[in-house]
Every structure is written in structure tokens, then in C-alpha cells.
Amino acid sequence: MNAQAAIDATQPISVAATLTAARALVPQLLEEDRIAVNQHLHGTALDSFLADLGGRTRSEDGMRELLQAAARDSGTYHAAYVQKKAKK
């Protein structure tokens, strides 16, 4: 976006410009990092996901719920794949 002189540090970045850039960049970045993605969100599915996420992050309770779910999922992942098994 900045290469196109679309960013003015004194102004907020437009949501439409951000979404357009993200739609172009995210698949490219994932591919460069060799990350296999099983689910791609494009078009209306992406718009619906972002609208839902935006709605959930507008309130303190919604944000708390998302952060608690992320912490719970992170702990589950850590216990299953990262944490060393106790020695017997």
C-alpha cells in the first residue's frame, strides 16, 4: 500500500484499501512461508468473517471472550504438541 503512496501517516487507512491489500498479500505471504492452508476465505465468506469478528471485538465482553478462547486453544495446543512429557 505504501509503495502506491496510499498511506498518509496523518490519516487513518481506509478499510476498503486495507481489505484489498490483505486479499492480495495474505495468500502470497502464506505461500512464501510454505504454509499449507486448508481453508481460504474469499469474497463474501471473507466479508462475513470480518464482519462477525468486527462485531465481536467492538465490546469489552466480546473481546474478552475471544482472548479467553485464544488462550484456551493455545494451552490445548501447547499441551498436545509442545510440552515435554513428564519422566516416570
N, C-alpha and C. Protein backbone atom coordinates (compact mmCIF):
# COMPACT_ATOMS: atom_id res chain seq x y z
N MET A 1 0.83 -1.19 0.00
CA MET A 1 0.00 0.00 0.00
C MET A 1 0.87 1.25 0.00
N ASN A 2 1.92 1.24 0.78
CA ASN A 2 2.76 2.42 0.86
C ASN A 2 3.50 2.67 -0.44
N ALA A 3 3.84 1.60 -1.16
CA ALA A 3 4.53 1.75 -2.44
C ALA A 3 3.65 2.50 -3.43
N GLN A 4 2.35 2.42 -3.23
CA GLN A 4 1.42 3.11 -4.12
C GLN A 4 1.07 4.49 -3.58
N ALA A 5 1.82 4.93 -2.57
CA ALA A 5 1.58 6.23 -1.93
C ALA A 5 0.16 6.34 -1.38
N ALA A 6 -0.38 5.21 -0.92
CA ALA A 6 -1.74 5.20 -0.42
C ALA A 6 -1.81 5.48 1.08
N ILE A 7 -0.66 5.54 1.75
CA ILE A 7 -0.66 5.75 3.19
C ILE A 7 -0.17 7.16 3.49
N ASP A 8 -1.01 7.87 4.22
CA ASP A 8 -0.66 9.19 4.73
C ASP A 8 -0.63 9.05 6.24
N ALA A 9 0.52 9.22 6.86
CA ALA A 9 0.68 8.98 8.29
C ALA A 9 -0.25 9.83 9.15
N THR A 10 -0.80 10.87 8.59
CA THR A 10 -1.69 11.74 9.37
C THR A 10 -3.15 11.34 9.25
N GLN A 11 -3.45 10.36 8.41
CA GLN A 11 -4.83 9.95 8.17
C GLN A 11 -5.00 8.45 8.44
N PRO A 12 -6.19 8.04 8.90
CA PRO A 12 -6.44 6.60 9.06
C PRO A 12 -6.44 5.92 7.69
N ILE A 13 -6.06 4.66 7.68
CA ILE A 13 -6.07 3.89 6.43
C ILE A 13 -7.50 3.42 6.19
N SER A 14 -7.96 3.55 4.98
CA SER A 14 -9.33 3.15 4.68
C SER A 14 -9.48 1.65 4.80
N VAL A 15 -10.63 1.22 5.32
CA VAL A 15 -10.91 -0.20 5.48
C VAL A 15 -10.91 -0.89 4.13
N ALA A 16 -11.50 -0.26 3.13
CA ALA A 16 -11.56 -0.87 1.80
C ALA A 16 -10.16 -1.10 1.23
N ALA A 17 -9.28 -0.12 1.37
CA ALA A 17 -7.92 -0.26 0.87
C ALA A 17 -7.17 -1.35 1.63
N THR A 18 -7.40 -1.43 2.93
CA THR A 18 -6.75 -2.45 3.75
C THR A 18 -7.21 -3.84 3.35
N LEU A 19 -8.51 -4.02 3.17
CA LEU A 19 -9.04 -5.33 2.77
C LEU A 19 -8.54 -5.73 1.38
N THR A 20 -8.47 -4.78 0.47
CA THR A 20 -7.97 -5.08 -0.87
C THR A 20 -6.51 -5.53 -0.80
N ALA A 21 -5.71 -4.83 -0.02
CA ALA A 21 -4.30 -5.20 0.12
C ALA A 21 -4.15 -6.55 0.80
N ALA A 22 -4.96 -6.80 1.83
CA ALA A 22 -4.87 -8.08 2.55
C ALA A 22 -5.26 -9.24 1.65
N ARG A 23 -6.29 -9.06 0.84
CA ARG A 23 -6.71 -10.13 -0.07
C ARG A 23 -5.60 -10.49 -1.06
N ALA A 24 -4.81 -9.52 -1.44
CA ALA A 24 -3.72 -9.77 -2.39
C ALA A 24 -2.48 -10.32 -1.68
N LEU A 25 -2.19 -9.82 -0.49
CA LEU A 25 -0.94 -10.15 0.17
C LEU A 25 -0.96 -11.44 0.99
N VAL A 26 -2.04 -11.71 1.68
CA VAL A 26 -2.05 -12.86 2.59
C VAL A 26 -1.77 -14.18 1.87
N PRO A 27 -2.44 -14.50 0.77
CA PRO A 27 -2.11 -15.75 0.09
C PRO A 27 -0.64 -15.81 -0.36
N GLN A 28 -0.13 -14.70 -0.82
CA GLN A 28 1.27 -14.64 -1.26
C GLN A 28 2.22 -14.88 -0.08
N LEU A 29 1.96 -14.26 1.05
CA LEU A 29 2.81 -14.43 2.22
C LEU A 29 2.76 -15.86 2.75
N LEU A 30 1.57 -16.45 2.76
CA LEU A 30 1.44 -17.84 3.20
C LEU A 30 2.23 -18.77 2.29
N GLU A 31 2.13 -18.53 1.00
CA GLU A 31 2.86 -19.37 0.04
C GLU A 31 4.37 -19.21 0.23
N GLU A 32 4.84 -17.99 0.43
CA GLU A 32 6.28 -17.76 0.61
C GLU A 32 6.81 -18.47 1.86
N ASP A 33 5.98 -18.56 2.89
CA ASP A 33 6.39 -19.23 4.13
C ASP A 33 6.09 -20.73 4.10
N ARG A 34 5.63 -21.19 2.96
CA ARG A 34 5.31 -22.62 2.76
C ARG A 34 4.28 -23.11 3.76
N ILE A 35 3.31 -22.28 4.05
CA ILE A 35 2.24 -22.65 4.97
C ILE A 35 1.07 -23.18 4.15
N ALA A 36 0.71 -24.41 4.45
CA ALA A 36 -0.43 -25.02 3.76
C ALA A 36 -1.70 -24.57 4.46
N VAL A 37 -2.62 -24.06 3.70
CA VAL A 37 -3.88 -23.59 4.25
C VAL A 37 -4.99 -24.46 3.69
N ASN A 38 -5.78 -25.01 4.58
CA ASN A 38 -6.87 -25.88 4.16
C ASN A 38 -8.15 -25.12 3.89
N GLN A 39 -8.25 -23.93 4.42
CA GLN A 39 -9.47 -23.16 4.24
C GLN A 39 -9.11 -21.73 3.82
N HIS A 40 -9.56 -21.35 2.67
CA HIS A 40 -9.36 -19.98 2.20
C HIS A 40 -10.68 -19.24 2.27
N LEU A 41 -10.64 -18.04 2.76
CA LEU A 41 -11.82 -17.21 2.77
C LEU A 41 -11.65 -16.12 1.72
N HIS A 42 -12.59 -16.08 0.80
CA HIS A 42 -12.56 -15.09 -0.27
C HIS A 42 -13.94 -14.46 -0.41
N GLY A 43 -13.98 -13.29 -0.97
CA GLY A 43 -15.24 -12.64 -1.32
C GLY A 43 -16.20 -12.53 -0.16
N THR A 44 -17.43 -12.99 -0.36
CA THR A 44 -18.47 -12.82 0.67
C THR A 44 -18.17 -13.61 1.93
N ALA A 45 -17.51 -14.77 1.80
CA ALA A 45 -17.15 -15.54 3.00
C ALA A 45 -16.17 -14.76 3.87
N LEU A 46 -15.19 -14.11 3.24
CA LEU A 46 -14.23 -13.29 3.97
C LEU A 46 -14.93 -12.07 4.57
N ASP A 47 -15.78 -11.43 3.79
CA ASP A 47 -16.51 -10.27 4.30
C ASP A 47 -17.37 -10.63 5.51
N SER A 48 -18.03 -11.79 5.44
CA SER A 48 -18.87 -12.25 6.54
C SER A 48 -18.02 -12.53 7.79
N PHE A 49 -16.88 -13.20 7.60
CA PHE A 49 -15.98 -13.49 8.71
C PHE A 49 -15.50 -12.20 9.37
N LEU A 50 -15.07 -11.24 8.56
CA LEU A 50 -14.57 -9.98 9.09
C LEU A 50 -15.66 -9.18 9.80
N ALA A 51 -16.88 -9.22 9.26
CA ALA A 51 -17.99 -8.52 9.91
C ALA A 51 -18.29 -9.15 11.27
N ASP A 52 -18.27 -10.48 11.33
CA ASP A 52 -18.51 -11.17 12.60
C ASP A 52 -17.41 -10.84 13.60
N LEU A 53 -16.17 -10.91 13.16
CA LEU A 53 -15.05 -10.61 14.03
C LEU A 53 -15.11 -9.16 14.51
N GLY A 54 -15.42 -8.25 13.60
CA GLY A 54 -15.54 -6.84 13.97
C GLY A 54 -16.62 -6.62 15.00
N GLY A 55 -17.74 -7.31 14.84
CA GLY A 55 -18.82 -7.19 15.81
C GLY A 55 -18.42 -7.70 17.18
N ARG A 56 -17.66 -8.78 17.20
CA ARG A 56 -17.25 -9.38 18.46
C ARG A 56 -16.19 -8.54 19.17
N THR A 57 -15.40 -7.79 18.43
CA THR A 57 -14.32 -7.00 19.05
C THR A 57 -14.75 -5.59 19.43
N ARG A 58 -15.99 -5.24 19.18
CA ARG A 58 -16.45 -3.88 19.50
C ARG A 58 -16.82 -3.71 20.97
N SER A 59 -17.01 -4.83 21.67
CA SER A 59 -17.37 -4.71 23.08
C SER A 59 -16.30 -5.37 23.94
N GLU A 60 -16.23 -4.92 25.18
CA GLU A 60 -15.24 -5.49 26.09
C GLU A 60 -15.52 -6.97 26.34
N ASP A 61 -16.79 -7.33 26.49
CA ASP A 61 -17.13 -8.74 26.73
C ASP A 61 -16.78 -9.61 25.52
N GLY A 62 -17.05 -9.11 24.32
CA GLY A 62 -16.72 -9.86 23.11
C GLY A 62 -15.22 -10.05 22.96
N MET A 63 -14.47 -9.01 23.25
CA MET A 63 -13.02 -9.09 23.15
C MET A 63 -12.48 -10.06 24.20
N ARG A 64 -13.03 -9.98 25.40
CA ARG A 64 -12.60 -10.89 26.48
C ARG A 64 -12.87 -12.34 26.07
N GLU A 65 -14.02 -12.59 25.50
CA GLU A 65 -14.39 -13.94 25.06
C GLU A 65 -13.40 -14.46 24.00
N LEU A 66 -13.06 -13.61 23.03
CA LEU A 66 -12.10 -14.02 22.00
C LEU A 66 -10.72 -14.31 22.60
N LEU A 67 -10.27 -13.45 23.51
CA LEU A 67 -8.95 -13.66 24.12
C LEU A 67 -8.92 -14.91 25.01
N GLN A 68 -10.01 -15.16 25.73
CA GLN A 68 -10.07 -16.37 26.55
C GLN A 68 -10.07 -17.62 25.68
N ALA A 69 -10.79 -17.58 24.57
CA ALA A 69 -10.80 -18.72 23.66
C ALA A 69 -9.42 -18.94 23.05
N ALA A 70 -8.73 -17.86 22.70
CA ALA A 70 -7.38 -17.98 22.14
C ALA A 70 -6.42 -18.56 23.17
N ALA A 71 -6.52 -18.11 24.42
CA ALA A 71 -5.66 -18.63 25.48
C ALA A 71 -5.94 -20.10 25.72
N ARG A 72 -7.20 -20.48 25.73
CA ARG A 72 -7.60 -21.88 25.93
C ARG A 72 -7.06 -22.75 24.79
N ASP A 73 -7.25 -22.30 23.55
CA ASP A 73 -6.77 -23.06 22.39
C ASP A 73 -5.25 -23.16 22.38
N SER A 74 -4.58 -22.08 22.78
CA SER A 74 -3.12 -22.08 22.83
C SER A 74 -2.63 -23.08 23.88
N GLY A 75 -3.28 -23.11 25.03
CA GLY A 75 -2.92 -24.06 26.08
C GLY A 75 -3.13 -25.50 25.65
N THR A 76 -4.23 -25.75 24.95
CA THR A 76 -4.51 -27.09 24.43
C THR A 76 -3.45 -27.51 23.43
N TYR A 77 -3.09 -26.61 22.52
CA TYR A 77 -2.05 -26.91 21.53
C TYR A 77 -0.72 -27.18 22.23
N HIS A 78 -0.37 -26.33 23.18
CA HIS A 78 0.90 -26.49 23.89
C HIS A 78 0.95 -27.85 24.60
N ALA A 79 -0.13 -28.21 25.27
CA ALA A 79 -0.16 -29.48 26.00
C ALA A 79 -0.04 -30.67 25.04
N ALA A 80 -0.63 -30.55 23.87
CA ALA A 80 -0.63 -31.67 22.92
C ALA A 80 0.65 -31.78 22.13
N TYR A 81 1.28 -30.66 21.77
CA TYR A 81 2.38 -30.71 20.81
C TYR A 81 3.72 -30.14 21.28
N VAL A 82 3.72 -29.33 22.34
CA VAL A 82 4.94 -28.63 22.72
C VAL A 82 5.48 -29.12 24.07
N GLN A 83 4.60 -29.23 25.02
CA GLN A 83 5.02 -29.57 26.38
C GLN A 83 5.68 -30.95 26.42
N LYS A 84 6.80 -31.00 27.09
CA LYS A 84 7.51 -32.28 27.20
C LYS A 84 6.75 -33.17 28.18
N LYS A 85 6.73 -34.44 27.85
CA LYS A 85 6.05 -35.41 28.70
C LYS A 85 6.84 -35.60 30.00
N ALA A 86 6.14 -35.79 31.09
CA ALA A 86 6.79 -35.99 32.39
C ALA A 86 7.54 -37.32 32.39
N LYS A 87 8.73 -37.30 32.97
CA LYS A 87 9.52 -38.53 33.07
C LYS A 87 8.99 -39.37 34.21
N LYS A 88 8.97 -40.67 33.98
CA LYS A 88 8.48 -41.58 35.02
C LYS A 88 9.61 -42.20 35.78
